[in-house]
Amino acid sequence: MLSNLLNDSRVSRLVELALMEDIGMGDVTSDAILPDDQRGEAEFFCKEDGVVAGLDVTALVFQYCDHSVRVTPTVNDGNRISNGTCIARIDGPARSILRGERTALNFLQRMSGIATLTRRFVDAVAGTNAKITDTRKTVPGLRVLDKWAVRLGGGVNHRFGLDDMVLIKDNHIVAAGGITRAVERCRQYLANEGLDIKIEVETKSLDDVREALRCHGIHRILLDNFPLEALREAVHLIAHAVEVEASGGVTLANVRAIAETGVDYISVGALTHSVKSLDISLELRHVR
């Protein structure tokens, strides 16, 4: 059941570090109370409606704790789930189940919270051409899982890091002496380095948009904190010449109106930087 994501060494390192942090020298409580040969059956169940994400990572946590622990999902990552839904069953040594419980829940709750919030934004713009995308505002070290959860919620990923896309932001523009100079320097650098990656330019006004449109080699224009009327005018000016992304101050209350201006992407930092974890519990049902 493990997805290709789990072949990523970053994920295995995350799981190892999380278990080391939580277990330390050992789970003294479980070791004191439970015989080493006692087996148990447990269930993960959701205590609120949402979208589940992270079941594969949960299984990996228990594999690292004890290869004999079996995790059997009852739903798939990306599924909508309702309050009270059992999302996975676990069978194995009781000590091992309790040893991995907190680490598994930490991953599962956070990823499900991100997927749930993403799905709410995706649902809010349904029927428009806009796609909901994330940002780099992730917990340090957890980006691979945060962005995977966004995809499970129906969103799309923006650049993963500083090396896979050029994004010319306001500070770059100031340092270069303007949008045109910044774009020219980036194009020359990419040509010199033999890099075939896209260029996006952040704009803060309609004049910025006009200047960006005069530059060659741009793939996307970012409209940062534009009021709705200015968004509509910018989209009209761009006229499909390049992709258009809206960013800044996006909420569930206004995302539909932003999408209806005709932008292609809406980036939402809150998907990962202000997420509320989904309420999920593990209950030990039987011991033998």
Protein backbone atom coordinates (compact mmCIF):
# COMPACT_ATOMS: atom_id res chain seq x y z
CA MET A 1 0.00 0.00 0.00
CA LEU A 2 2.98 2.32 0.41
CA SER A 3 3.01 5.05 -2.23
CA ASN A 4 6.03 6.17 -4.24
CA LEU A 5 6.30 9.09 -1.84
CA LEU A 6 7.59 6.70 0.79
CA ASN A 7 10.54 5.77 -1.40
CA ASP A 8 11.70 9.35 -0.83
CA SER A 9 14.56 9.30 1.66
CA ARG A 10 13.33 12.57 3.14
CA VAL A 11 10.21 10.82 4.42
CA SER A 12 12.06 7.92 6.00
CA ARG A 13 14.42 10.37 7.70
CA LEU A 14 11.46 12.34 9.02
CA VAL A 15 9.89 9.21 10.47
CA GLU A 16 13.16 8.10 12.06
CA LEU A 17 13.78 11.51 13.62
CA ALA A 18 10.21 11.78 14.90
CA LEU A 19 10.39 8.36 16.56
CA MET A 20 13.77 9.10 18.09
CA GLU A 21 12.41 12.36 19.46
CA ASP A 22 9.35 10.70 20.99
CA ILE A 23 10.68 7.35 22.20
CA GLY A 24 14.14 8.30 23.37
CA MET A 25 15.54 5.36 25.34
CA GLY A 26 12.17 3.58 25.39
CA ASP A 27 8.47 3.78 26.25
CA VAL A 28 8.84 3.22 29.98
CA THR A 29 5.10 3.36 30.67
CA SER A 30 4.11 0.67 28.17
CA ASP A 31 7.15 -1.46 29.04
CA ALA A 32 6.17 -1.34 32.71
CA ILE A 33 2.49 -2.16 32.21
CA LEU A 34 2.29 -4.47 29.20
CA PRO A 35 3.86 -7.95 28.95
CA ASP A 36 6.18 -8.16 25.97
CA ASP A 37 4.10 -10.96 24.43
CA GLN A 38 0.75 -9.19 24.71
CA ARG A 39 -0.88 -8.44 21.38
CA GLY A 40 -3.48 -5.83 20.65
CA GLU A 41 -5.97 -4.60 18.11
CA ALA A 42 -6.58 -0.88 17.69
CA GLU A 43 -8.45 1.54 15.45
CA PHE A 44 -7.77 5.02 14.18
CA PHE A 45 -11.04 6.90 13.98
CA CYS A 46 -11.93 10.45 13.05
CA LYS A 47 -13.76 12.69 15.49
CA GLU A 48 -14.84 15.30 12.91
CA ASP A 49 -15.63 15.52 9.22
CA GLY A 50 -12.67 16.00 6.91
CA VAL A 51 -10.31 14.56 4.31
CA VAL A 52 -7.88 11.84 5.35
CA ALA A 53 -4.21 12.12 4.42
CA GLY A 54 -1.12 10.37 5.69
CA LEU A 55 -2.19 6.74 5.98
CA ASP A 56 0.93 5.57 4.14
CA VAL A 57 3.13 7.57 6.48
CA THR A 58 1.25 6.11 9.43
CA ALA A 59 2.01 2.60 8.17
CA LEU A 60 5.67 3.53 7.78
CA VAL A 61 5.83 4.73 11.39
CA PHE A 62 4.66 1.35 12.65
CA GLN A 63 7.00 -0.50 10.30
CA TYR A 64 9.89 1.34 11.91
CA CYS A 65 8.55 0.51 15.37
CA ASP A 66 7.95 -3.16 14.67
CA HIS A 67 7.75 -4.98 11.33
CA SER A 68 5.13 -7.34 12.73
CA VAL A 69 2.56 -4.54 13.23
CA ARG A 70 -0.08 -4.64 10.50
CA VAL A 71 -1.89 -1.45 9.48
CA THR A 72 -5.03 -2.00 7.40
CA PRO A 73 -6.69 1.17 6.10
CA THR A 74 -10.47 1.16 5.73
CA VAL A 75 -10.44 4.29 3.51
CA ASN A 76 -7.98 5.75 1.02
CA ASP A 77 -5.84 8.84 1.32
CA GLY A 78 -7.80 11.75 -0.17
CA ASN A 79 -11.21 10.33 0.81
CA ARG A 80 -13.76 12.51 2.55
CA ILE A 81 -14.56 11.07 5.96
CA SER A 82 -17.22 11.83 8.53
CA ASN A 83 -17.18 12.04 12.32
CA GLY A 84 -16.85 8.56 13.81
CA THR A 85 -15.34 6.92 10.73
CA CYS A 86 -12.75 4.20 11.37
CA ILE A 87 -9.94 5.01 8.96
CA ALA A 88 -7.49 2.18 9.78
CA ARG A 89 -7.16 -0.93 11.94
CA ILE A 90 -3.93 -2.04 13.56
CA ASP A 91 -2.87 -5.44 14.81
CA GLY A 92 0.37 -6.38 16.52
CA PRO A 93 2.32 -6.31 19.78
CA ALA A 94 0.50 -3.93 22.11
CA ARG A 95 3.74 -2.28 23.20
CA SER A 96 4.66 -1.50 19.60
CA ILE A 97 1.22 -0.06 18.85
CA LEU A 98 1.44 2.32 21.80
CA ARG A 99 5.07 3.15 21.03
CA GLY A 100 4.15 4.45 17.60
CA GLU A 101 0.78 5.96 18.48
CA ARG A 102 1.74 9.59 19.05
CA THR A 103 4.17 9.89 16.15
CA ALA A 104 1.68 8.32 13.77
CA LEU A 105 -1.09 10.61 14.98
CA ASN A 106 1.08 13.71 14.66
CA PHE A 107 1.70 12.99 10.99
CA LEU A 108 -1.83 11.79 10.29
CA GLN A 109 -3.61 14.68 12.03
CA ARG A 110 -1.49 17.41 10.45
CA MET A 111 -1.64 15.98 6.93
CA SER A 112 -5.39 15.39 7.21
CA GLY A 113 -5.86 18.94 8.48
CA ILE A 114 -4.00 20.31 5.45
CA ALA A 115 -5.95 18.09 3.04
CA THR A 116 -9.24 19.08 4.66
CA LEU A 117 -8.57 22.82 4.43
CA THR A 118 -7.31 22.46 0.87
CA ARG A 119 -10.48 20.63 -0.16
CA ARG A 120 -12.59 23.44 1.30
CA PHE A 121 -10.78 25.96 -0.88
CA VAL A 122 -10.98 23.68 -3.92
CA ASP A 123 -14.72 23.22 -3.39
CA ALA A 124 -15.16 26.98 -3.01
CA VAL A 125 -13.78 27.65 -6.51
CA ALA A 126 -15.47 24.68 -8.22
CA GLY A 127 -16.74 25.54 -11.68
CA THR A 128 -14.07 28.20 -12.31
CA ASN A 129 -10.74 27.74 -14.05
CA ALA A 130 -8.75 28.60 -10.93
CA LYS A 131 -6.52 26.05 -9.24
CA ILE A 132 -5.66 26.25 -5.55
CA THR A 133 -1.92 26.10 -4.93
CA ASP A 134 0.33 26.12 -1.89
CA THR A 135 3.42 28.13 -0.91
CA ARG A 136 6.75 27.51 0.82
CA LYS A 137 5.23 28.52 4.16
CA THR A 138 5.64 25.04 5.58
CA VAL A 139 7.04 23.67 8.83
CA PRO A 140 10.82 23.34 8.31
CA GLY A 141 11.57 19.75 7.39
CA LEU A 142 7.95 18.78 6.73
CA ARG A 143 7.53 20.32 3.29
CA VAL A 144 7.42 17.02 1.42
CA LEU A 145 4.49 15.85 3.58
CA ASP A 146 2.75 19.22 3.73
CA LYS A 147 2.75 19.52 -0.05
CA TRP A 148 1.69 15.88 -0.48
CA ALA A 149 -1.30 16.61 1.77
CA VAL A 150 -2.22 19.61 -0.40
CA ARG A 151 -2.33 17.33 -3.45
CA LEU A 152 -4.49 14.82 -1.58
CA GLY A 153 -6.88 17.66 -0.82
CA GLY A 154 -7.22 18.47 -4.51
CA GLY A 155 -4.76 21.36 -4.71
CA VAL A 156 -1.65 21.69 -6.84
CA ASN A 157 1.89 22.39 -5.72
CA HIS A 158 3.76 25.60 -6.38
CA ARG A 159 7.55 25.37 -6.47
CA PHE A 160 8.96 22.96 -3.91
CA GLY A 161 12.10 24.95 -3.25
CA LEU A 162 14.30 27.74 -4.53
CA ASP A 163 15.86 25.55 -7.20
CA ASP A 164 12.92 24.43 -9.30
CA MET A 165 11.42 27.75 -10.47
CA VAL A 166 12.45 31.38 -10.76
CA LEU A 167 10.15 33.59 -8.71
CA ILE A 168 11.20 37.23 -8.91
CA LYS A 169 9.76 38.86 -5.80
CA ASP A 170 9.73 42.45 -4.56
CA ASN A 171 13.13 42.28 -2.86
CA HIS A 172 14.73 40.86 -6.01
CA ILE A 173 13.17 43.69 -8.03
CA VAL A 174 14.49 46.32 -5.64
CA ALA A 175 17.97 44.77 -5.69
CA ALA A 176 18.02 44.59 -9.50
CA GLY A 177 16.65 48.09 -10.05
CA GLY A 178 13.34 47.08 -11.58
CA ILE A 179 11.34 44.25 -13.08
CA THR A 180 12.92 44.47 -16.52
CA ARG A 181 16.46 44.24 -15.21
CA ALA A 182 15.56 41.40 -12.87
CA VAL A 183 14.00 39.39 -15.70
CA GLU A 184 16.94 40.05 -18.04
CA ARG A 185 19.43 38.90 -15.42
CA CYS A 186 17.42 35.73 -14.75
CA ARG A 187 17.12 34.89 -18.43
CA GLN A 188 20.86 35.37 -18.93
CA TYR A 189 21.67 33.27 -15.87
CA LEU A 190 19.41 30.43 -16.98
CA ALA A 191 20.93 30.50 -20.46
CA ASN A 192 24.46 30.46 -19.09
CA GLU A 193 23.68 27.60 -16.72
CA GLY A 194 21.68 25.62 -19.28
CA LEU A 195 18.63 25.56 -17.02
CA ASP A 196 15.17 25.05 -18.47
CA ILE A 197 12.91 26.32 -15.70
CA LYS A 198 10.01 28.75 -15.67
CA ILE A 199 10.08 32.39 -14.64
CA GLU A 200 7.37 34.02 -12.54
CA VAL A 201 7.30 37.71 -11.64
CA GLU A 202 5.57 39.23 -8.63
CA THR A 203 3.69 42.48 -9.33
CA LYS A 204 2.07 44.91 -6.96
CA SER A 205 0.35 47.32 -9.35
CA LEU A 206 -1.08 47.52 -12.84
CA ASP A 207 2.02 49.46 -13.92
CA ASP A 208 4.11 46.50 -12.72
CA VAL A 209 1.92 44.19 -14.80
CA ARG A 210 2.43 46.34 -17.89
CA GLU A 211 6.20 46.31 -17.39
CA ALA A 212 6.23 42.54 -16.87
CA LEU A 213 4.26 42.01 -20.06
CA ARG A 214 6.93 43.90 -22.01
CA CYS A 215 9.56 41.40 -20.82
CA HIS A 216 10.34 38.26 -22.81
CA GLY A 217 10.51 34.79 -21.33
CA ILE A 218 8.01 35.16 -18.49
CA HIS A 219 5.68 32.23 -17.86
CA ARG A 220 3.51 33.55 -15.03
CA ILE A 221 2.64 36.87 -13.41
CA LEU A 222 1.84 36.94 -9.70
CA LEU A 223 -0.70 39.57 -8.65
CA ASP A 224 0.12 40.25 -5.02
CA ASN A 225 -2.60 41.70 -2.78
CA PHE A 226 -4.55 43.18 -5.69
CA PRO A 227 -8.12 44.38 -4.90
CA LEU A 228 -10.81 42.55 -6.89
CA GLU A 229 -11.31 45.31 -9.46
CA ALA A 230 -7.57 45.55 -10.04
CA LEU A 231 -7.42 41.75 -10.40
CA ARG A 232 -10.07 41.87 -13.09
CA GLU A 233 -8.25 44.66 -14.93
CA ALA A 234 -4.92 42.83 -14.68
CA VAL A 235 -6.42 39.62 -16.06
CA HIS A 236 -7.86 41.67 -18.94
CA LEU A 237 -4.47 43.28 -19.60
CA ILE A 238 -2.64 39.95 -19.57
CA ALA A 239 -5.25 38.44 -21.90
CA HIS A 240 -3.87 34.87 -21.61
CA ALA A 241 -0.38 35.93 -22.73
CA VAL A 242 1.01 34.18 -19.65
CA GLU A 243 -0.41 32.35 -16.65
CA VAL A 244 -1.88 34.47 -13.84
CA GLU A 245 -1.62 33.82 -10.12
CA ALA A 246 -3.38 35.73 -7.34
CA SER A 247 -1.92 35.81 -3.85
CA GLY A 248 -2.32 37.64 -0.56
CA GLY A 249 -5.21 37.85 1.88
CA VAL A 250 -7.01 34.83 0.43
CA THR A 251 -9.73 33.36 2.66
CA LEU A 252 -12.63 30.99 2.23
CA ALA A 253 -14.89 34.04 2.28
CA ASN A 254 -13.26 35.76 -0.72
CA VAL A 255 -11.62 32.97 -2.73
CA ARG A 256 -14.66 32.46 -4.98
CA ALA A 257 -14.72 36.12 -5.97
CA ILE A 258 -10.98 35.99 -6.68
CA ALA A 259 -11.42 32.89 -8.84
CA GLU A 260 -14.20 34.55 -10.83
CA THR A 261 -11.82 37.31 -11.98
CA GLY A 262 -10.30 34.73 -14.33
CA VAL A 263 -6.96 34.00 -12.64
CA ASP A 264 -5.38 30.61 -13.30
CA TYR A 265 -3.94 29.99 -9.82
CA ILE A 266 -4.70 31.17 -6.31
CA SER A 267 -1.92 30.60 -3.80
CA VAL A 268 -2.95 30.16 -0.17
CA GLY A 269 -0.24 30.19 2.48
CA ALA A 270 -2.76 29.29 5.18
CA LEU A 271 -3.03 25.75 3.77
CA THR A 272 0.20 24.90 5.55
CA HIS A 273 1.20 27.77 7.84
CA SER A 274 -2.03 28.09 9.83
CA VAL A 275 -3.61 24.69 9.52
CA LYS A 276 -5.73 23.10 12.27
CA SER A 277 -4.99 19.41 12.68
CA LEU A 278 -7.90 17.07 12.09
CA ASP A 279 -9.14 15.43 15.29
CA ILE A 280 -8.17 11.75 15.02
CA SER A 281 -7.73 9.23 17.85
CA LEU A 282 -6.29 5.76 18.28
CA GLU A 283 -8.23 3.41 20.56
CA LEU A 284 -6.92 0.06 21.74
CA ARG A 285 -9.96 -2.21 21.31
CA HIS A 286 -8.70 -5.68 22.28
CA VAL A 287 -5.66 -7.20 23.95
CA ARG A 288 -4.78 -10.87 24.10
